[in-house]
Amino acid sequence: MASDGCCQFLEIILAILLPPLGVFLHYGCCSLEFCICVLLTILGYIPGMIYAIYVITVVNPERHHRDYYEPIVA
């Protein structure tokens, strides 16, 4: 099995070649990050690539998942 660093390297390379593909591998098809990346790539290749690399390297999906879907306790 590949290490996390190797997978992230592959996602970054794919994000440079085709930005939505790298985001798709990291977050999945129906995520907000993927939709934003597709929109930015349609509007311009460079903004889509910058956003894809940012989302893959900086944003932690587990942290956002825990914040958004944590049950509210009254």
PDB file of N, CA and C in Angstrom:
ATOM      1  N   MET A   1       0.838  -1.175   0.000  1.00  0.00           N
ATOM      2  CA  MET A   1       0.000   0.000   0.000  1.00  0.00           C
ATOM      3  C   MET A   1       0.883   1.237   0.000  1.00  0.00           C
ATOM      4  N   ALA A   2       0.489   2.254  -0.748  1.00  0.00           N
ATOM      5  CA  ALA A   2       1.278   3.478  -0.867  1.00  0.00           C
ATOM      6  C   ALA A   2       1.145   4.332   0.389  1.00  0.00           C
ATOM      7  N   SER A   3       2.169   5.106   0.647  1.00  0.00           N
ATOM      8  CA  SER A   3       2.130   5.987   1.815  1.00  0.00           C
ATOM      9  C   SER A   3       1.305   7.228   1.510  1.00  0.00           C
ATOM     10  N   ASP A   4       0.965   7.980   2.569  1.00  0.00           N
ATOM     11  CA  ASP A   4       0.188   9.210   2.393  1.00  0.00           C
ATOM     12  C   ASP A   4       0.937  10.233   1.552  1.00  0.00           C
ATOM     13  N   GLY A   5       2.245  10.324   1.747  1.00  0.00           N
ATOM     14  CA  GLY A   5       3.036  11.288   0.984  1.00  0.00           C
ATOM     15  C   GLY A   5       3.028  10.983  -0.499  1.00  0.00           C
ATOM     16  N   CYS A   6       3.079   9.709  -0.840  1.00  0.00           N
ATOM     17  CA  CYS A   6       3.055   9.303  -2.243  1.00  0.00           C
ATOM     18  C   CYS A   6       1.695   9.602  -2.870  1.00  0.00           C
ATOM     19  N   CYS A   7       0.623   9.326  -2.150  1.00  0.00           N
ATOM     20  CA  CYS A   7      -0.723   9.613  -2.664  1.00  0.00           C
ATOM     21  C   CYS A   7      -0.930  11.112  -2.832  1.00  0.00           C
ATOM     22  N   GLN A   8      -0.459  11.901  -1.874  1.00  0.00           N
ATOM     23  CA  GLN A   8      -0.615  13.347  -1.981  1.00  0.00           C
ATOM     24  C   GLN A   8       0.207  13.882  -3.155  1.00  0.00           C
ATOM     25  N   PHE A   9       1.393  13.329  -3.378  1.00  0.00           N
ATOM     26  CA  PHE A   9       2.213  13.735  -4.518  1.00  0.00           C
ATOM     27  C   PHE A   9       1.484  13.454  -5.825  1.00  0.00           C
ATOM     28  N   LEU A  10       0.872  12.284  -5.940  1.00  0.00           N
ATOM     29  CA  LEU A  10       0.115  11.932  -7.136  1.00  0.00           C
ATOM     30  C   LEU A  10      -1.084  12.862  -7.321  1.00  0.00           C
ATOM     31  N   GLU A  11      -1.782  13.185  -6.246  1.00  0.00           N
ATOM     32  CA  GLU A  11      -2.917  14.100  -6.338  1.00  0.00           C
ATOM     33  C   GLU A  11      -2.472  15.489  -6.790  1.00  0.00           C
ATOM     34  N   ILE A  12      -1.318  15.963  -6.330  1.00  0.00           N
ATOM     35  CA  ILE A  12      -0.812  17.278  -6.734  1.00  0.00           C
ATOM     36  C   ILE A  12      -0.430  17.272  -8.209  1.00  0.00           C
ATOM     37  N   ILE A  13       0.216  16.204  -8.668  1.00  0.00           N
ATOM     38  CA  ILE A  13       0.573  16.102 -10.088  1.00  0.00           C
ATOM     39  C   ILE A  13      -0.697  16.108 -10.941  1.00  0.00           C
ATOM     40  N   LEU A  14      -1.700  15.347 -10.533  1.00  0.00           N
ATOM     41  CA  LEU A  14      -2.965  15.336 -11.273  1.00  0.00           C
ATOM     42  C   LEU A  14      -3.667  16.685 -11.210  1.00  0.00           C
ATOM     43  N   ALA A  15      -3.540  17.395 -10.078  1.00  0.00           N
ATOM     44  CA  ALA A  15      -4.149  18.719  -9.943  1.00  0.00           C
ATOM     45  C   ALA A  15      -3.475  19.725 -10.868  1.00  0.00           C
ATOM     46  N   ILE A  16      -2.205  19.535 -11.165  1.00  0.00           N
ATOM     47  CA  ILE A  16      -1.521  20.420 -12.105  1.00  0.00           C
ATOM     48  C   ILE A  16      -1.978  20.119 -13.531  1.00  0.00           C
ATOM     49  N   LEU A  17      -2.112  18.842 -13.863  1.00  0.00           N
ATOM     50  CA  LEU A  17      -2.519  18.455 -15.216  1.00  0.00           C
ATOM     51  C   LEU A  17      -4.005  18.703 -15.463  1.00  0.00           C
ATOM     52  N   LEU A  18      -4.849  18.268 -14.551  1.00  0.00           N
ATOM     53  CA  LEU A  18      -6.300  18.425 -14.667  1.00  0.00           C
ATOM     54  C   LEU A  18      -6.847  18.653 -13.254  1.00  0.00           C
ATOM     55  N   PRO A  19      -7.011  19.917 -12.863  1.00  0.00           N
ATOM     56  CA  PRO A  19      -7.339  20.249 -11.470  1.00  0.00           C
ATOM     57  C   PRO A  19      -8.511  19.485 -10.842  1.00  0.00           C
ATOM     58  N   PRO A  20      -9.654  19.339 -11.504  1.00  0.00           N
ATOM     59  CA  PRO A  20     -10.749  18.625 -10.843  1.00  0.00           C
ATOM     60  C   PRO A  20     -10.442  17.156 -10.539  1.00  0.00           C
ATOM     61  N   LEU A  21      -9.570  16.542 -11.320  1.00  0.00           N
ATOM     62  CA  LEU A  21      -9.245  15.140 -11.078  1.00  0.00           C
ATOM     63  C   LEU A  21      -8.519  14.948  -9.752  1.00  0.00           C
ATOM     64  N   GLY A  22      -7.572  15.818  -9.433  1.00  0.00           N
ATOM     65  CA  GLY A  22      -6.873  15.719  -8.153  1.00  0.00           C
ATOM     66  C   GLY A  22      -7.801  15.927  -6.976  1.00  0.00           C
ATOM     67  N   VAL A  23      -8.716  16.893  -7.096  1.00  0.00           N
ATOM     68  CA  VAL A  23      -9.688  17.153  -6.023  1.00  0.00           C
ATOM     69  C   VAL A  23     -10.673  15.990  -5.907  1.00  0.00           C
ATOM     70  N   PHE A  24     -11.072  15.427  -7.043  1.00  0.00           N
ATOM     71  CA  PHE A  24     -11.977  14.272  -7.037  1.00  0.00           C
ATOM     72  C   PHE A  24     -11.363  13.093  -6.285  1.00  0.00           C
ATOM     73  N   LEU A  25     -10.093  12.818  -6.505  1.00  0.00           N
ATOM     74  CA  LEU A  25      -9.441  11.702  -5.815  1.00  0.00           C
ATOM     75  C   LEU A  25      -9.322  11.955  -4.317  1.00  0.00           C
ATOM     76  N   HIS A  26      -9.212  13.218  -3.934  1.00  0.00           N
ATOM     77  CA  HIS A  26      -9.042  13.540  -2.517  1.00  0.00           C
ATOM     78  C   HIS A  26     -10.376  13.621  -1.768  1.00  0.00           C
ATOM     79  N   TYR A  27     -11.414  14.195  -2.401  1.00  0.00           N
ATOM     80  CA  TYR A  27     -12.684  14.457  -1.713  1.00  0.00           C
ATOM     81  C   TYR A  27     -13.873  13.668  -2.232  1.00  0.00           C
ATOM     82  N   GLY A  28     -13.834  13.204  -3.465  1.00  0.00           N
ATOM     83  CA  GLY A  28     -14.978  12.515  -4.049  1.00  0.00           C
ATOM     84  C   GLY A  28     -15.735  13.429  -4.989  1.00  0.00           C
ATOM     85  N   CYS A  29     -16.749  12.871  -5.629  1.00  0.00           N
ATOM     86  CA  CYS A  29     -17.433  13.554  -6.729  1.00  0.00           C
ATOM     87  C   CYS A  29     -18.411  14.629  -6.261  1.00  0.00           C
ATOM     88  N   CYS A  30     -19.152  14.402  -5.234  1.00  0.00           N
ATOM     89  CA  CYS A  30     -20.236  15.324  -4.858  1.00  0.00           C
ATOM     90  C   CYS A  30     -19.852  16.284  -3.749  1.00  0.00           C
ATOM     91  N   SER A  31     -18.576  16.563  -3.582  1.00  0.00           N
ATOM     92  CA  SER A  31     -18.163  17.471  -2.519  1.00  0.00           C
ATOM     93  C   SER A  31     -18.184  18.911  -3.015  1.00  0.00           C
ATOM     94  N   LEU A  32     -18.289  19.829  -2.090  1.00  0.00           N
ATOM     95  CA  LEU A  32     -18.278  21.249  -2.417  1.00  0.00           C
ATOM     96  C   LEU A  32     -16.946  21.654  -3.034  1.00  0.00           C
ATOM     97  N   GLU A  33     -15.860  21.091  -2.535  1.00  0.00           N
ATOM     98  CA  GLU A  33     -14.538  21.414  -3.058  1.00  0.00           C
ATOM     99  C   GLU A  33     -14.417  21.033  -4.524  1.00  0.00           C
ATOM    100  N   PHE A  34     -14.957  19.872  -4.897  1.00  0.00           N
ATOM    101  CA  PHE A  34     -14.914  19.418  -6.282  1.00  0.00           C
ATOM    102  C   PHE A  34     -15.721  20.345  -7.183  1.00  0.00           C
ATOM    103  N   CYS A  35     -16.909  20.731  -6.744  1.00  0.00           N
ATOM    104  CA  CYS A  35     -17.753  21.617  -7.552  1.00  0.00           C
ATOM    105  C   CYS A  35     -17.101  22.984  -7.752  1.00  0.00           C
ATOM    106  N   ILE A  36     -16.499  23.525  -6.704  1.00  0.00           N
ATOM    107  CA  ILE A  36     -15.799  24.801  -6.816  1.00  0.00           C
ATOM    108  C   ILE A  36     -14.625  24.683  -7.777  1.00  0.00           C
ATOM    109  N   CYS A  37     -13.912  23.586  -7.700  1.00  0.00           N
ATOM    110  CA  CYS A  37     -12.760  23.383  -8.574  1.00  0.00           C
ATOM    111  C   CYS A  37     -13.185  23.266 -10.038  1.00  0.00           C
ATOM    112  N   VAL A  38     -14.280  22.568 -10.299  1.00  0.00           N
ATOM    113  CA  VAL A  38     -14.785  22.463 -11.675  1.00  0.00           C
ATOM    114  C   VAL A  38     -15.172  23.845 -12.192  1.00  0.00           C
ATOM    115  N   LEU A  39     -15.872  24.612 -11.378  1.00  0.00           N
ATOM    116  CA  LEU A  39     -16.291  25.954 -11.782  1.00  0.00           C
ATOM    117  C   LEU A  39     -15.088  26.851 -12.062  1.00  0.00           C
ATOM    118  N   LEU A  40     -14.099  26.838 -11.174  1.00  0.00           N
ATOM    119  CA  LEU A  40     -12.910  27.662 -11.381  1.00  0.00           C
ATOM    120  C   LEU A  40     -12.114  27.215 -12.599  1.00  0.00           C
ATOM    121  N   THR A  41     -12.074  25.920 -12.853  1.00  0.00           N
ATOM    122  CA  THR A  41     -11.354  25.418 -14.022  1.00  0.00           C
ATOM    123  C   THR A  41     -12.070  25.817 -15.309  1.00  0.00           C
ATOM    124  N   ILE A  42     -13.386  25.841 -15.297  1.00  0.00           N
ATOM    125  CA  ILE A  42     -14.139  26.291 -16.470  1.00  0.00           C
ATOM    126  C   ILE A  42     -13.890  27.784 -16.709  1.00  0.00           C
ATOM    127  N   LEU A  43     -13.855  28.561 -15.637  1.00  0.00           N
ATOM    128  CA  LEU A  43     -13.613  29.992 -15.769  1.00  0.00           C
ATOM    129  C   LEU A  43     -12.176  30.310 -16.171  1.00  0.00           C
ATOM    130  N   GLY A  44     -11.242  29.480 -15.767  1.00  0.00           N
ATOM    131  CA  GLY A  44      -9.839  29.674 -16.109  1.00  0.00           C
ATOM    132  C   GLY A  44      -9.002  28.554 -15.544  1.00  0.00           C
ATOM    133  N   TYR A  45      -8.066  28.068 -16.325  1.00  0.00           N
ATOM    134  CA  TYR A  45      -7.267  26.920 -15.908  1.00  0.00           C
ATOM    135  C   TYR A  45      -6.407  27.234 -14.676  1.00  0.00           C
ATOM    136  N   ILE A  46      -5.770  28.383 -14.671  1.00  0.00           N
ATOM    137  CA  ILE A  46      -4.854  28.748 -13.571  1.00  0.00           C
ATOM    138  C   ILE A  46      -5.591  28.874 -12.229  1.00  0.00           C
ATOM    139  N   PRO A  47      -6.733  29.574 -12.147  1.00  0.00           N
ATOM    140  CA  PRO A  47      -7.443  29.614 -10.854  1.00  0.00           C
ATOM    141  C   PRO A  47      -7.874  28.229 -10.373  1.00  0.00           C
ATOM    142  N   GLY A  48      -8.299  27.372 -11.288  1.00  0.00           N
ATOM    143  CA  GLY A  48      -8.672  26.005 -10.913  1.00  0.00           C
ATOM    144  C   GLY A  48      -7.490  25.223 -10.384  1.00  0.00           C
ATOM    145  N   MET A  49      -6.336  25.389 -11.008  1.00  0.00           N
ATOM    146  CA  MET A  49      -5.132  24.684 -10.573  1.00  0.00           C
ATOM    147  C   MET A  49      -4.675  25.181  -9.202  1.00  0.00           C
ATOM    148  N   ILE A  50      -4.684  26.491  -8.992  1.00  0.00           N
ATOM    149  CA  ILE A  50      -4.270  27.053  -7.704  1.00  0.00           C
ATOM    150  C   ILE A  50      -5.204  26.570  -6.598  1.00  0.00           C
ATOM    151  N   TYR A  51      -6.508  26.605  -6.854  1.00  0.00           N
ATOM    152  CA  TYR A  51      -7.469  26.157  -5.851  1.00  0.00           C
ATOM    153  C   TYR A  51      -7.298  24.666  -5.551  1.00  0.00           C
ATOM    154  N   ALA A  52      -7.088  23.860  -6.581  1.00  0.00           N
ATOM    155  CA  ALA A  52      -6.934  22.421  -6.384  1.00  0.00           C
ATOM    156  C   ALA A  52      -5.710  22.105  -5.532  1.00  0.00           C
ATOM    157  N   ILE A  53      -4.605  22.746  -5.815  1.00  0.00           N
ATOM    158  CA  ILE A  53      -3.389  22.506  -5.029  1.00  0.00           C
ATOM    159  C   ILE A  53      -3.589  22.984  -3.595  1.00  0.00           C
ATOM    160  N   TYR A  54      -4.246  24.118  -3.411  1.00  0.00           N
ATOM    161  CA  TYR A  54      -4.523  24.626  -2.060  1.00  0.00           C
ATOM    162  C   TYR A  54      -5.392  23.648  -1.278  1.00  0.00           C
ATOM    163  N   VAL A  55      -6.465  23.175  -1.896  1.00  0.00           N
ATOM    164  CA  VAL A  55      -7.404  22.290  -1.210  1.00  0.00           C
ATOM    165  C   VAL A  55      -6.739  20.959  -0.860  1.00  0.00           C
ATOM    166  N   ILE A  56      -5.900  20.455  -1.741  1.00  0.00           N
ATOM    167  CA  ILE A  56      -5.251  19.164  -1.494  1.00  0.00           C
ATOM    168  C   ILE A  56      -4.206  19.278  -0.395  1.00  0.00           C
ATOM    169  N   THR A  57      -3.449  20.372  -0.373  1.00  0.00           N
ATOM    170  CA  THR A  57      -2.337  20.461   0.577  1.00  0.00           C
ATOM    171  C   THR A  57      -2.708  21.078   1.919  1.00  0.00           C
ATOM    172  N   VAL A  58      -3.650  22.035   1.950  1.00  0.00           N
ATOM    173  CA  VAL A  58      -3.898  22.790   3.180  1.00  0.00           C
ATOM    174  C   VAL A  58      -5.136  22.330   3.923  1.00  0.00           C
ATOM    175  N   VAL A  59      -6.236  22.119   3.226  1.00  0.00           N
ATOM    176  CA  VAL A  59      -7.519  21.825   3.863  1.00  0.00           C
ATOM    177  C   VAL A  59      -7.547  20.371   4.318  1.00  0.00           C
ATOM    178  N   ASN A  60      -7.962  20.146   5.557  1.00  0.00           N
ATOM    179  CA  ASN A  60      -8.036  18.805   6.136  1.00  0.00           C
ATOM    180  C   ASN A  60      -9.492  18.338   6.105  1.00  0.00           C
ATOM    181  N   PRO A  61      -9.824  17.323   5.293  1.00  0.00           N
ATOM    182  CA  PRO A  61     -11.233  16.917   5.172  1.00  0.00           C
ATOM    183  C   PRO A  61     -11.818  16.339   6.459  1.00  0.00           C
ATOM    184  N   GLU A  62     -11.021  15.684   7.285  1.00  0.00           N
ATOM    185  CA  GLU A  62     -11.541  15.112   8.526  1.00  0.00           C
ATOM    186  C   GLU A  62     -11.969  16.202   9.503  1.00  0.00           C
ATOM    187  N   ARG A  63     -11.237  17.296   9.538  1.00  0.00           N
ATOM    188  CA  ARG A  63     -11.583  18.385  10.450  1.00  0.00           C
ATOM    189  C   ARG A  63     -12.913  19.007  10.059  1.00  0.00           C
ATOM    190  N   HIS A  64     -13.134  19.249   8.766  1.00  0.00           N
ATOM    191  CA  HIS A  64     -14.386  19.848   8.324  1.00  0.00           C
ATOM    192  C   HIS A  64     -15.545  18.884   8.490  1.00  0.00           C
ATOM    193  N   HIS A  65     -15.323  17.624   8.229  1.00  0.00           N
ATOM    194  CA  HIS A  65     -16.389  16.636   8.387  1.00  0.00           C
ATOM    195  C   HIS A  65     -16.855  16.594   9.841  1.00  0.00           C
ATOM    196  N   ARG A  66     -15.909  16.621  10.767  1.00  0.00           N
ATOM    197  CA  ARG A  66     -16.253  16.568  12.185  1.00  0.00           C
ATOM    198  C   ARG A  66     -17.002  17.828  12.612  1.00  0.00           C
ATOM    199  N   ASP A  67     -16.604  19.009  12.110  1.00  0.00           N
ATOM    200  CA  ASP A  67     -17.243  20.260  12.490  1.00  0.00           C
ATOM    201  C   ASP A  67     -18.664  20.359  11.951  1.00  0.00           C
ATOM    202  N   TYR A  68     -18.879  19.955  10.713  1.00  0.00           N
ATOM    203  CA  TYR A  68     -20.187  20.132  10.097  1.00  0.00           C
ATOM    204  C   TYR A  68     -21.208  19.097  10.498  1.00  0.00           C
ATOM    205  N   TYR A  69     -20.782  17.896  10.783  1.00  0.00           N
ATOM    206  CA  TYR A  69     -21.723  16.799  10.989  1.00  0.00           C
ATOM    207  C   TYR A  69     -21.772  16.308  12.433  1.00  0.00           C
ATOM    208  N   GLU A  70     -21.209  17.059  13.347  1.00  0.00           N
ATOM    209  CA  GLU A  70     -21.254  16.684  14.744  1.00  0.00           C
ATOM    210  C   GLU A  70     -22.658  16.954  15.281  1.00  0.00           C
ATOM    211  N   PRO A  71     -23.258  16.007  15.955  1.00  0.00           N
ATOM    212  CA  PRO A  71     -24.622  16.218  16.454  1.00  0.00           C
ATOM    213  C   PRO A  71     -24.678  17.317  17.516  1.00  0.00           C
ATOM    214  N   ILE A  72     -25.761  18.051  17.507  1.00  0.00           N
ATOM    215  CA  ILE A  72     -25.971  19.127  18.479  1.00  0.00           C
ATOM    216  C   ILE A  72     -26.579  18.531  19.739  1.00  0.00           C
ATOM    217  N   VAL A  73     -25.928  18.769  20.857  1.00  0.00           N
ATOM    218  CA  VAL A  73     -26.404  18.238  22.132  1.00  0.00           C
ATOM    219  C   VAL A  73     -27.023  19.392  22.904  1.00  0.00           C
ATOM    220  N   ALA A  74     -28.262  19.231  23.311  1.00  0.00           N
ATOM    221  CA  ALA A  74     -28.953  20.300  24.019  1.00  0.00           C
ATOM    222  C   ALA A  74     -28.807  20.147  25.525  1.00  0.00           C
TER     223      ALA A  74
END
